[in-house]
Amino acid sequence: MRSKNIKNIELSTLYRVAGLLGTGKDLHGTLVGTLELLATEMGMRRGMITLLPGNSSEAHLDIAPAMNGADVDKVVYGPGEGITGRVLSDGEPIVIPNLGKEPGFLDRAGLRKNEDLSKMSFICVPVRFGENVIGALSVDIEACDGEELEEMTRFLCGVADMIAPGVEARRKEDERKRLEIENIGLKKQIELKSKPSNIIGNSRVMHSVYLLINQVADSGATALITGETGTGKELAAAAIHNASPRRAMPFVAVSCAALPETLLESELFGHEKGAFTGAHERRAGKFEQAAGGSVFLDEIGEMSLSSQAKLLRVLQTKEVERLGGDKPIRANVRIIAATNRDLERAVTNGEFRADLFYRLNVFPIHMPPLRERGADIMLLADHFVHKYSEEFGKKVERICSPAIDALMAYHWPGNVRELENCVERAVLLSQDGVIHSYNLPPSLRMRTTEAKTEKAGSLESLLEAYERDLIEEAVKYAGGNQSAAARELGTTKRVIQYKTAKYGIDCRKFKPTSK
């Protein structure tokens, strides 16, 4: 018979475990607290809770206070592997009176390397929720046998029943986290697959554009791409075409703003010989040239009202007529339009036909301005550096830090087109394989220096910006060493100290960090 005192301790421990589990606080913390109570009140040391995920036959160690959180996730049990694996597979408690005599004990957690196993007993019991084994609870105790070991096992089974709802909640929490991670991974895979090869950018706003392009590409619907000048509307149109079933057929682009009305209609619909002065021969229009493919109508907001009426007819009938002709020609094309204007306002003002707008605006896609694309600025800049380095036969390898600051601080009213022009110019001007801020247009450099100086003359401002760039680059590549930077620039340490203080250059941030 066990002593009354021992039974009182067991009842007190169970009562305290119930109180702990009933707090409704942090789930992980309550389970850890339960194992710590077993250790302090019952001498059940090295308590562990192992979970059996619903999506896997492998079990993993989840809670083990003795491991201090280190490498807990790495402890895994295959089906029937070790004592814990057998308990999870068979759903029955296993009791080892003498661990030193048990060859099947793995000690995968590595907590008993310096212990005398012959002085320990081990108990592992299943944790059940309903009819299912969802985990295992195991502890070490001082070696004992007979009735005492049986009583300890029954007690631990009672604790396992009490923590079962918490363990099940823990399993569900882990499963939710796993699914969240999996969903994030799948979303990234989908985004990567849907990312057009002709467009550069990984910002969130651009991934939204990629998904829209991917959605509309297969549908054959008319798409209307909006956005400021230079945002890459034609690239988006080409991406739609290249991802569509029409990808093997022509992609024909027309700028509606570049041609007067009479020439635009001839360009779009073609003309017969003699249709107008100078029409010396028959010519197929863009709709015929793009047969089976796509026609991209750029800056469609600039099209005249009469041309809009003729385009509307093409959309309605799927046929075109050459100027001077009287025979309709089948127009098997997909139309993708783009504009930098607010077409809804143009409709209100009577500058754009409402019926044509509704025909075009089946699937709108907005191209975000470059100033909203964050780190895409540097991705694009690096791309253009590589592009124009090859084109001009120059070895330009990088953009210096002050130049990066200038690129990131600028508001880019001309968007990607303006950025490309800036980088093209900078590559031409670079003399040492590096793009410095003084290689950039004055408008970019002045934006980064205007907050630091209020000099009246722009020449003085630019000279200071040039000097600051040289000193910061020298200090950077000297690892923050001002003496080495002075030698590099052919001056004295005192001058470098004065200039770094003047321009607010923190040399400490360039010093290598000790590891």
Protein backbone atom coordinates (compact mmCIF):
# COMPACT_ATOMS: atom_id res chain seq x y z
CA MET A 1 0.00 0.00 0.00
CA ARG A 2 1.24 3.44 -0.84
CA SER A 3 1.47 5.97 1.98
CA LYS A 4 -1.36 8.43 2.49
CA ASN A 5 1.16 11.27 2.18
CA ILE A 6 2.16 10.20 -1.36
CA LYS A 7 -1.49 10.04 -2.43
CA ASN A 8 -2.07 13.51 -1.02
CA ILE A 9 0.88 14.82 -3.03
CA GLU A 10 -0.55 13.22 -6.18
CA LEU A 11 -3.98 14.76 -5.57
CA SER A 12 -2.43 18.14 -4.83
CA THR A 13 -0.35 17.95 -8.00
CA LEU A 14 -3.37 17.00 -10.11
CA TYR A 15 -5.30 19.88 -8.58
CA ARG A 16 -2.51 22.34 -9.41
CA VAL A 17 -2.19 20.95 -12.95
CA ALA A 18 -5.94 21.44 -13.45
CA GLY A 19 -5.65 25.02 -12.18
CA LEU A 20 -2.75 25.70 -14.52
CA LEU A 21 -4.55 24.26 -17.54
CA GLY A 22 -7.69 26.21 -16.69
CA THR A 23 -6.05 29.64 -16.78
CA GLY A 24 -6.59 29.94 -20.54
CA LYS A 25 -3.21 31.62 -20.88
CA ASP A 26 -0.39 30.82 -23.32
CA LEU A 27 -0.86 27.21 -24.41
CA HIS A 28 2.82 26.40 -24.70
CA GLY A 29 3.49 27.99 -21.33
CA THR A 30 0.81 25.96 -19.55
CA LEU A 31 2.16 22.69 -20.93
CA VAL A 32 5.70 23.65 -19.93
CA GLY A 33 4.38 24.59 -16.49
CA THR A 34 2.68 21.19 -16.19
CA LEU A 35 5.96 19.36 -16.84
CA GLU A 36 7.75 21.59 -14.33
CA LEU A 37 5.09 20.78 -11.68
CA LEU A 38 5.64 17.06 -12.30
CA ALA A 39 9.36 17.58 -11.74
CA THR A 40 9.11 19.66 -8.55
CA GLU A 41 6.17 17.89 -6.90
CA MET A 42 6.50 14.31 -8.11
CA GLY A 43 10.20 13.95 -8.95
CA MET A 44 9.29 13.21 -12.60
CA ARG A 45 12.27 14.76 -14.33
CA ARG A 46 13.04 15.41 -18.00
CA GLY A 47 9.35 15.50 -18.89
CA MET A 48 8.62 15.64 -22.61
CA ILE A 49 5.53 15.97 -24.81
CA THR A 50 5.80 14.54 -28.30
CA LEU A 51 3.20 15.38 -30.95
CA LEU A 52 1.93 13.16 -33.75
CA PRO A 53 0.90 15.54 -36.58
CA GLY A 54 -2.22 14.61 -38.48
CA ASN A 55 -0.46 15.04 -41.82
CA SER A 56 2.53 12.80 -41.09
CA SER A 57 3.46 9.41 -39.69
CA GLU A 58 6.54 10.94 -38.06
CA ALA A 59 6.25 12.39 -34.56
CA HIS A 60 8.31 15.33 -33.37
CA LEU A 61 9.31 16.43 -29.91
CA ASP A 62 7.37 19.60 -29.09
CA ILE A 63 7.93 20.50 -25.43
CA ALA A 64 10.99 19.59 -23.38
CA PRO A 65 11.87 22.15 -20.67
CA ALA A 66 15.14 20.39 -19.89
CA MET A 67 16.41 21.18 -23.39
CA ASN A 68 15.91 24.92 -22.91
CA GLY A 69 14.36 25.13 -26.36
CA ALA A 70 17.58 24.08 -28.10
CA ASP A 71 17.13 21.73 -31.04
CA VAL A 72 13.73 20.51 -29.82
CA ASP A 73 12.34 20.52 -33.37
CA LYS A 74 15.16 18.26 -34.58
CA VAL A 75 14.05 15.32 -32.42
CA VAL A 76 11.85 13.13 -34.64
CA TYR A 77 10.50 9.58 -34.20
CA GLY A 78 9.50 7.37 -37.08
CA PRO A 79 6.58 4.90 -36.78
CA GLY A 80 7.39 2.43 -34.00
CA GLU A 81 10.86 3.91 -33.51
CA GLY A 82 12.19 3.74 -29.94
CA ILE A 83 10.02 3.63 -26.84
CA THR A 84 8.15 6.84 -27.76
CA GLY A 85 7.51 5.64 -31.30
CA ARG A 86 6.08 2.36 -30.03
CA VAL A 87 3.73 4.15 -27.60
CA LEU A 88 2.48 6.38 -30.40
CA SER A 89 1.97 3.40 -32.73
CA ASP A 90 0.40 0.96 -30.23
CA GLY A 91 -1.42 3.47 -28.03
CA GLU A 92 -0.33 1.65 -24.82
CA PRO A 93 1.90 2.85 -21.95
CA ILE A 94 5.44 1.46 -21.78
CA VAL A 95 7.30 1.31 -18.49
CA ILE A 96 11.06 0.66 -18.25
CA PRO A 97 12.04 -0.18 -14.63
CA ASN A 98 15.79 -0.01 -15.39
CA LEU A 99 16.90 2.17 -18.30
CA GLY A 100 20.40 0.70 -18.19
CA LYS A 101 18.99 -2.67 -19.28
CA GLU A 102 16.80 -1.37 -22.13
CA PRO A 103 18.51 -1.59 -25.56
CA GLY A 104 15.50 -0.03 -27.28
CA PHE A 105 15.89 3.26 -25.41
CA LEU A 106 17.23 5.84 -27.88
CA ASP A 107 17.71 8.96 -25.72
CA ARG A 108 17.31 10.95 -28.94
CA ALA A 109 17.05 14.18 -26.96
CA GLY A 110 20.56 13.54 -25.61
CA LEU A 111 19.71 14.54 -22.03
CA ARG A 112 21.08 11.47 -20.25
CA LYS A 113 24.61 11.21 -21.64
CA ASN A 114 26.26 11.74 -18.25
CA GLU A 115 23.62 9.96 -16.18
CA ASP A 116 23.71 6.50 -14.61
CA LEU A 117 20.81 4.89 -16.50
CA SER A 118 20.69 1.94 -14.10
CA LYS A 119 19.34 4.30 -11.42
CA MET A 120 16.45 5.50 -13.57
CA SER A 121 13.04 4.26 -14.56
CA PHE A 122 11.23 5.60 -17.60
CA ILE A 123 7.50 5.96 -18.17
CA CYS A 124 5.91 6.88 -21.50
CA VAL A 125 2.13 7.07 -21.85
CA PRO A 126 -0.09 7.93 -24.84
CA VAL A 127 -2.02 11.19 -24.99
CA ARG A 128 -5.46 10.54 -26.47
CA PHE A 129 -8.07 12.92 -27.79
CA GLY A 130 -11.26 10.97 -28.41
CA GLU A 131 -10.28 7.71 -30.06
CA ASN A 132 -7.04 9.02 -31.52
CA VAL A 133 -3.51 8.95 -30.14
CA ILE A 134 -2.25 12.49 -30.69
CA GLY A 135 0.98 12.42 -28.72
CA ALA A 136 3.01 10.94 -25.91
CA LEU A 137 4.00 12.09 -22.42
CA SER A 138 7.25 10.72 -20.97
CA VAL A 139 9.20 11.23 -17.74
CA ASP A 140 12.20 9.86 -15.84
CA ILE A 141 11.92 8.85 -12.17
CA GLU A 142 14.27 7.30 -9.67
CA ALA A 143 14.48 3.58 -10.31
CA CYS A 144 11.63 1.67 -8.73
CA ASP A 145 9.48 -1.32 -9.57
CA GLY A 146 6.36 -3.20 -8.58
CA GLU A 147 3.34 -1.43 -7.18
CA GLU A 148 5.00 2.00 -6.94
CA LEU A 149 5.86 2.00 -10.65
CA GLU A 150 2.30 0.96 -11.53
CA GLU A 151 0.86 3.76 -9.38
CA MET A 152 3.18 6.32 -11.01
CA THR A 153 2.10 5.09 -14.45
CA ARG A 154 -1.60 5.41 -13.55
CA PHE A 155 -0.94 8.90 -12.22
CA LEU A 156 0.88 9.91 -15.44
CA CYS A 157 -2.00 8.50 -17.53
CA GLY A 158 -4.34 10.77 -15.55
CA VAL A 159 -2.14 13.77 -16.30
CA ALA A 160 -2.08 12.76 -19.98
CA ASP A 161 -5.88 12.78 -20.04
CA MET A 162 -5.92 16.22 -18.43
CA ILE A 163 -3.49 17.78 -20.92
CA ALA A 164 -5.07 16.06 -23.97
CA PRO A 165 -7.29 19.04 -24.94
CA GLY A 166 -4.29 21.37 -24.66
CA VAL A 167 -2.10 19.02 -26.70
CA GLU A 168 -4.79 18.79 -29.39
CA ALA A 169 -5.02 22.58 -29.46
CA ARG A 170 -1.24 22.69 -29.77
CA ARG A 171 -1.39 20.27 -32.71
CA LYS A 172 -4.00 22.41 -34.42
CA GLU A 173 -1.92 25.52 -33.82
CA ASP A 174 1.13 23.84 -35.36
CA GLU A 175 -0.97 22.68 -38.31
CA ARG A 176 -2.31 26.20 -38.82
CA LYS A 177 1.22 27.61 -38.81
CA ARG A 178 2.37 24.90 -41.21
CA LEU A 179 -0.47 25.69 -43.60
CA GLU A 180 0.25 29.40 -43.36
CA ILE A 181 3.90 28.80 -44.26
CA GLU A 182 2.86 26.42 -47.03
CA ASN A 183 0.37 28.95 -48.40
CA ILE A 184 2.99 31.68 -48.35
CA GLY A 185 5.32 29.36 -50.26
CA LEU A 186 2.62 28.47 -52.77
CA LYS A 187 1.74 32.12 -53.26
CA LYS A 188 5.39 32.90 -53.92
CA GLN A 189 5.58 30.04 -56.43
CA ILE A 190 2.44 31.29 -58.17
CA GLU A 191 3.82 34.82 -58.21
CA LEU A 192 7.13 33.61 -59.65
CA LYS A 193 5.35 31.57 -62.30
CA SER A 194 3.06 34.46 -63.19
CA LYS A 195 5.88 37.04 -63.29
CA PRO A 196 6.45 38.10 -66.90
CA SER A 197 10.01 37.65 -68.10
CA ASN A 198 10.05 41.08 -69.77
CA ILE A 199 9.21 43.09 -66.63
CA ILE A 200 11.61 43.76 -63.76
CA GLY A 201 10.31 44.25 -60.23
CA ASN A 202 9.55 42.30 -57.07
CA SER A 203 7.57 44.90 -55.12
CA ARG A 204 4.15 44.00 -53.75
CA VAL A 205 2.34 46.39 -56.09
CA MET A 206 4.04 44.80 -59.10
CA HIS A 207 3.12 41.28 -57.97
CA SER A 208 -0.50 42.43 -57.99
CA VAL A 209 0.01 43.56 -61.59
CA TYR A 210 1.57 40.19 -62.51
CA LEU A 211 -1.41 38.32 -61.11
CA LEU A 212 -3.81 40.48 -63.13
CA ILE A 213 -1.77 39.92 -66.28
CA ASN A 214 -1.83 36.19 -65.66
CA GLN A 215 -5.59 36.22 -65.06
CA VAL A 216 -6.51 38.13 -68.21
CA ALA A 217 -3.98 36.57 -70.58
CA ASP A 218 -5.87 33.35 -71.33
CA SER A 219 -9.30 34.94 -71.40
CA GLY A 220 -9.03 36.89 -74.63
CA ALA A 221 -10.81 39.83 -73.00
CA THR A 222 -9.96 43.40 -73.98
CA ALA A 223 -7.58 44.93 -71.45
CA LEU A 224 -7.12 48.62 -70.64
CA ILE A 225 -3.75 49.47 -69.07
CA THR A 226 -3.59 52.78 -67.23
CA GLY A 227 -0.71 54.61 -65.62
CA GLU A 228 1.60 57.58 -65.86
CA THR A 229 3.96 58.05 -68.78
CA GLY A 230 6.98 55.78 -68.55
CA THR A 231 5.54 53.15 -66.19
CA GLY A 232 5.87 50.29 -68.70
CA LYS A 233 2.38 49.99 -70.12
CA GLU A 234 3.63 48.56 -73.42
CA LEU A 235 5.69 45.95 -71.52
CA ALA A 236 2.53 44.91 -69.66
CA ALA A 237 0.63 44.66 -72.95
CA ALA A 238 3.38 42.52 -74.45
CA ALA A 239 3.35 40.34 -71.31
CA ILE A 240 -0.40 39.76 -71.74
CA HIS A 241 0.15 38.77 -75.37
CA ASN A 242 3.12 36.51 -74.58
CA ALA A 243 1.13 34.65 -71.91
CA SER A 244 -1.93 34.21 -74.13
CA PRO A 245 -2.85 31.52 -76.68
CA ARG A 246 -1.99 34.14 -79.36
CA ARG A 247 1.67 34.26 -78.31
CA ALA A 248 2.90 32.66 -81.57
CA MET A 249 1.17 35.34 -83.67
CA PRO A 250 2.19 39.01 -84.14
CA PHE A 251 2.10 41.67 -81.43
CA VAL A 252 1.61 45.00 -83.23
CA ALA A 253 1.89 48.31 -81.36
CA VAL A 254 0.47 51.63 -82.53
CA SER A 255 0.90 55.02 -80.86
CA CYS A 256 -2.38 56.88 -81.26
CA ALA A 257 -0.72 60.15 -80.18
CA ALA A 258 2.10 60.04 -82.72
CA LEU A 259 0.00 60.25 -85.90
CA PRO A 260 -2.58 62.74 -87.20
CA GLU A 261 -6.14 61.47 -87.64
CA THR A 262 -5.94 60.62 -91.38
CA LEU A 263 -2.65 58.79 -91.06
CA LEU A 264 -3.79 56.98 -87.91
CA GLU A 265 -6.82 55.49 -89.68
CA SER A 266 -4.65 54.44 -92.61
CA GLU A 267 -2.16 52.93 -90.16
CA LEU A 268 -4.85 51.00 -88.31
CA PHE A 269 -7.17 49.93 -91.12
CA GLY A 270 -4.95 50.11 -94.23
CA HIS A 271 -5.83 51.73 -97.56
CA GLU A 272 -6.47 50.89 -101.17
CA LYS A 273 -4.40 52.26 -104.04
CA GLY A 274 -5.58 55.78 -104.84
CA ALA A 275 -7.58 56.17 -101.64
CA PHE A 276 -5.87 59.54 -101.06
CA THR A 277 -3.02 61.57 -102.47
CA GLY A 278 0.16 59.59 -102.09
CA ALA A 279 -1.58 56.21 -101.82
CA HIS A 280 0.33 54.65 -104.72
CA GLU A 281 -0.34 51.08 -103.72
CA ARG A 282 -2.57 48.97 -101.49
CA ARG A 283 -1.38 48.70 -97.89
CA ALA A 284 -2.56 46.40 -95.12
CA GLY A 285 -3.30 48.08 -91.81
CA LYS A 286 -2.15 47.03 -88.34
CA PHE A 287 -5.31 44.97 -87.76
CA GLU A 288 -4.51 42.87 -90.85
CA GLN A 289 -0.81 42.64 -89.98
CA ALA A 290 -1.70 41.33 -86.53
CA ALA A 291 -4.09 38.65 -87.83
CA GLY A 292 -4.45 36.03 -85.11
CA GLY A 293 -2.38 38.13 -82.70
CA SER A 294 -2.77 41.30 -80.64
CA VAL A 295 -2.98 45.01 -81.45
CA PHE A 296 -1.69 47.38 -78.78
CA LEU A 297 -3.25 50.84 -78.99
CA ASP A 298 -1.00 53.09 -76.92
CA GLU A 299 -2.28 56.48 -75.69
CA ILE A 300 -5.77 55.71 -76.91
CA GLY A 301 -7.04 58.75 -75.02
CA GLU A 302 -5.50 60.94 -77.75
CA MET A 303 -7.60 59.39 -80.53
CA SER A 304 -10.10 61.73 -82.22
CA LEU A 305 -13.84 61.20 -81.78
CA SER A 306 -14.27 60.15 -85.44
CA SER A 307 -11.47 57.60 -85.16
CA GLN A 308 -13.01 56.38 -81.91
CA ALA A 309 -16.29 55.71 -83.76
CA LYS A 310 -14.49 53.62 -86.38
CA LEU A 311 -12.58 51.68 -83.72
CA LEU A 312 -15.84 51.03 -81.88
CA ARG A 313 -17.28 49.54 -85.06
CA VAL A 314 -14.26 47.21 -85.34
CA LEU A 315 -14.81 46.05 -81.76
CA GLN A 316 -18.51 45.44 -82.43
CA THR A 317 -18.30 43.75 -85.84
CA LYS A 318 -14.79 42.20 -85.67
CA GLU A 319 -14.26 43.57 -89.18
CA VAL A 320 -12.21 46.40 -90.72
CA GLU A 321 -12.44 48.23 -94.02
CA ARG A 322 -9.42 49.76 -95.74
CA LEU A 323 -9.64 53.45 -96.61
CA GLY A 324 -11.04 53.63 -100.10
CA GLY A 325 -12.28 50.05 -99.94
CA ASP A 326 -15.76 48.61 -99.75
CA LYS A 327 -15.02 45.03 -98.73
CA PRO A 328 -14.98 44.19 -95.02
CA ILE A 329 -11.99 42.17 -93.79
CA ARG A 330 -12.22 39.82 -90.82
CA ALA A 331 -10.25 41.23 -87.85
CA ASN A 332 -9.20 38.24 -85.76
CA VAL A 333 -7.19 40.21 -83.21
CA ARG A 334 -7.16 40.94 -79.54
CA ILE A 335 -7.13 44.61 -78.60
CA ILE A 336 -5.06 45.86 -75.66
CA ALA A 337 -5.26 49.60 -75.04
CA ALA A 338 -3.29 51.94 -72.81
CA THR A 339 -3.59 55.52 -71.65
CA ASN A 340 -2.07 57.97 -69.19
CA ARG A 341 -5.31 60.00 -69.14
CA ASP A 342 -8.32 59.71 -66.86
CA LEU A 343 -10.74 58.32 -69.44
CA GLU A 344 -13.72 58.52 -67.11
CA ARG A 345 -13.17 62.26 -66.79
CA ALA A 346 -12.65 62.48 -70.55
CA VAL A 347 -16.02 60.76 -71.05
CA THR A 348 -17.67 63.28 -68.70
CA ASN A 349 -16.04 66.15 -70.61
CA GLY A 350 -17.21 64.78 -73.95
CA GLU A 351 -13.65 64.06 -75.11
CA PHE A 352 -14.01 60.28 -75.23
CA ARG A 353 -16.92 58.11 -76.29
CA ALA A 354 -18.64 56.40 -73.38
CA ASP A 355 -19.57 53.35 -75.46
CA LEU A 356 -15.95 52.86 -76.54
CA PHE A 357 -14.70 53.33 -72.97
CA TYR A 358 -16.99 50.58 -71.70
CA ARG A 359 -15.85 48.30 -74.55
CA LEU A 360 -12.21 48.87 -73.68
CA ASN A 361 -12.49 48.87 -69.90
CA VAL A 362 -13.42 45.18 -69.63
CA PHE A 363 -10.32 44.32 -67.59
CA PRO A 364 -8.42 47.36 -66.27
CA ILE A 365 -4.81 47.06 -65.08
CA HIS A 366 -3.09 50.00 -63.40
CA MET A 367 0.70 50.29 -63.69
CA PRO A 368 2.02 51.91 -60.46
CA PRO A 369 4.42 54.85 -60.67
CA LEU A 370 8.06 54.14 -59.89
CA ARG A 371 7.96 56.20 -56.67
CA GLU A 372 5.56 53.57 -55.23
CA ARG A 373 7.75 50.60 -56.12
CA GLY A 374 10.38 50.85 -53.37
CA ALA A 375 13.36 48.55 -53.90
CA ASP A 376 12.39 48.01 -57.57
CA ILE A 377 14.26 51.26 -58.24
CA MET A 378 17.60 49.58 -57.53
CA LEU A 379 16.65 46.38 -59.35
CA LEU A 380 15.87 48.45 -62.43
CA ALA A 381 18.96 50.62 -62.02
CA ASP A 382 21.23 47.57 -61.81
CA HIS A 383 19.52 46.10 -64.89
CA PHE A 384 20.10 49.27 -66.89
CA VAL A 385 23.73 49.49 -65.72
CA HIS A 386 24.32 45.98 -67.07
CA LYS A 387 22.39 46.72 -70.27
CA TYR A 388 24.24 49.90 -71.18
CA SER A 389 27.62 48.62 -70.02
CA GLU A 390 27.31 45.88 -72.63
CA GLU A 391 25.87 48.24 -75.24
CA PHE A 392 28.66 50.83 -74.85
CA GLY A 393 31.43 48.29 -74.25
CA LYS A 394 32.26 49.74 -70.82
CA LYS A 395 33.00 47.84 -67.62
CA VAL A 396 30.72 49.57 -65.11
CA GLU A 397 30.18 47.23 -62.17
CA ARG A 398 28.35 49.09 -59.43
CA ILE A 399 26.57 52.18 -58.15
CA CYS A 400 28.17 53.95 -55.18
CA SER A 401 26.26 54.56 -51.94
CA PRO A 402 25.66 58.32 -52.40
CA ALA A 403 24.35 57.67 -55.92
CA ILE A 404 22.02 55.00 -54.53
CA ASP A 405 20.76 57.51 -51.95
CA ALA A 406 20.09 60.02 -54.75
CA LEU A 407 18.22 57.45 -56.85
CA MET A 408 16.09 56.36 -53.91
CA ALA A 409 15.30 59.92 -52.78
CA TYR A 410 14.17 61.18 -56.18
CA HIS A 411 10.44 61.29 -57.00
CA TRP A 412 10.79 60.05 -60.66
CA PRO A 413 8.10 62.03 -62.49
CA GLY A 414 9.17 60.28 -65.71
CA ASN A 415 9.07 56.84 -64.02
CA VAL A 416 11.04 53.89 -65.45
CA ARG A 417 11.76 55.69 -68.72
CA GLU A 418 13.40 58.57 -66.84
CA LEU A 419 15.39 56.15 -64.68
CA GLU A 420 16.66 54.34 -67.77
CA ASN A 421 17.75 57.61 -69.37
CA CYS A 422 19.56 58.65 -66.16
CA VAL A 423 21.45 55.37 -65.91
CA GLU A 424 22.33 55.41 -69.62
CA ARG A 425 23.85 58.87 -69.16
CA ALA A 426 25.67 57.81 -65.98
CA VAL A 427 27.23 54.77 -67.69
CA LEU A 428 28.51 57.02 -70.48
CA LEU A 429 30.03 59.46 -67.97
CA SER A 430 31.58 56.87 -65.61
CA GLN A 431 35.38 56.77 -65.81
CA ASP A 432 36.28 54.24 -63.11
CA GLY A 433 33.73 51.44 -63.38
CA VAL A 434 31.54 53.04 -60.71
CA ILE A 435 28.50 55.28 -61.06
CA HIS A 436 28.94 58.21 -58.70
CA SER A 437 26.29 60.74 -57.76
CA TYR A 438 28.11 63.36 -59.87
CA ASN A 439 27.44 61.14 -62.90
CA LEU A 440 23.70 61.62 -62.34
CA PRO A 441 21.67 64.58 -63.65
CA PRO A 442 21.85 67.73 -61.45
CA SER A 443 18.14 67.43 -60.58
CA LEU A 444 18.81 64.17 -58.69
CA ARG A 445 21.92 65.45 -56.92
CA MET A 446 20.32 68.70 -55.84
CA ARG A 447 17.45 66.83 -54.17
CA THR A 448 19.83 64.99 -51.83
CA THR A 449 21.93 68.06 -50.98
CA GLU A 450 19.24 70.73 -50.66
CA ALA A 451 18.43 69.70 -47.06
CA LYS A 452 22.10 69.89 -46.08
CA THR A 453 22.99 73.28 -47.55
CA GLU A 454 21.25 76.52 -48.32
CA LYS A 455 23.96 77.99 -50.55
CA ALA A 456 22.68 80.39 -53.17
CA GLY A 457 24.84 79.14 -56.04
CA SER A 458 24.21 75.68 -57.52
CA LEU A 459 27.90 75.34 -58.50
CA GLU A 460 29.00 75.43 -54.87
CA SER A 461 26.33 72.89 -53.94
CA LEU A 462 27.41 70.52 -56.68
CA LEU A 463 31.08 70.85 -55.76
CA GLU A 464 30.28 70.02 -52.14
CA ALA A 465 28.20 67.03 -53.22
CA TYR A 466 31.13 65.83 -55.37
CA GLU A 467 33.60 66.27 -52.50
CA ARG A 468 31.29 64.50 -50.04
CA ASP A 469 30.92 61.52 -52.41
CA LEU A 470 34.69 61.18 -52.85
CA ILE A 471 35.36 61.30 -49.11
CA GLU A 472 32.53 58.89 -48.20
CA GLU A 473 33.65 56.38 -50.83
CA ALA A 474 37.27 56.58 -49.65
CA VAL A 475 36.27 56.09 -46.00
CA LYS A 476 33.95 53.23 -46.94
CA TYR A 477 36.64 51.28 -48.79
CA ALA A 478 39.17 52.04 -46.08
CA GLY A 479 36.87 50.27 -43.62
CA GLY A 480 36.28 53.47 -41.66
CA ASN A 481 40.02 54.12 -41.25
CA GLN A 482 40.49 57.88 -41.73
CA SER A 483 44.28 57.65 -42.14
CA ALA A 484 43.92 55.11 -44.95
CA ALA A 485 41.23 57.25 -46.58
CA ALA A 486 43.54 60.27 -46.41
CA ARG A 487 46.34 58.31 -48.14
CA GLU A 488 43.89 57.19 -50.82
CA LEU A 489 42.89 60.79 -51.56
CA GLY A 490 46.39 62.23 -51.20
CA THR A 491 45.57 64.44 -48.23
CA THR A 492 45.98 64.43 -44.44
CA LYS A 493 44.02 62.71 -41.71
CA ARG A 494 43.20 66.12 -40.20
CA VAL A 495 41.51 67.20 -43.45
CA ILE A 496 39.49 63.97 -43.57
CA GLN A 497 38.43 64.46 -39.94
CA TYR A 498 37.29 68.01 -40.69
CA LYS A 499 35.41 67.03 -43.87
CA THR A 500 33.67 64.00 -42.35
CA ALA A 501 32.47 66.19 -39.49
CA LYS A 502 31.34 68.88 -41.93
CA TYR A 503 29.32 66.49 -44.09
CA GLY A 504 28.06 64.33 -41.25
CA ILE A 505 29.83 61.18 -42.45
CA ASP A 506 29.87 58.55 -39.69
CA CYS A 507 33.11 56.59 -40.17
CA ARG A 508 32.11 54.05 -37.51
CA LYS A 509 29.40 52.52 -39.69
CA PHE A 510 32.03 51.47 -42.25
CA LYS A 511 34.24 49.65 -39.75
CA PRO A 512 34.15 45.85 -40.05
CA THR A 513 32.06 44.19 -37.33
CA SER A 514 33.78 41.67 -35.08
CA LYS A 515 32.31 38.18 -35.10
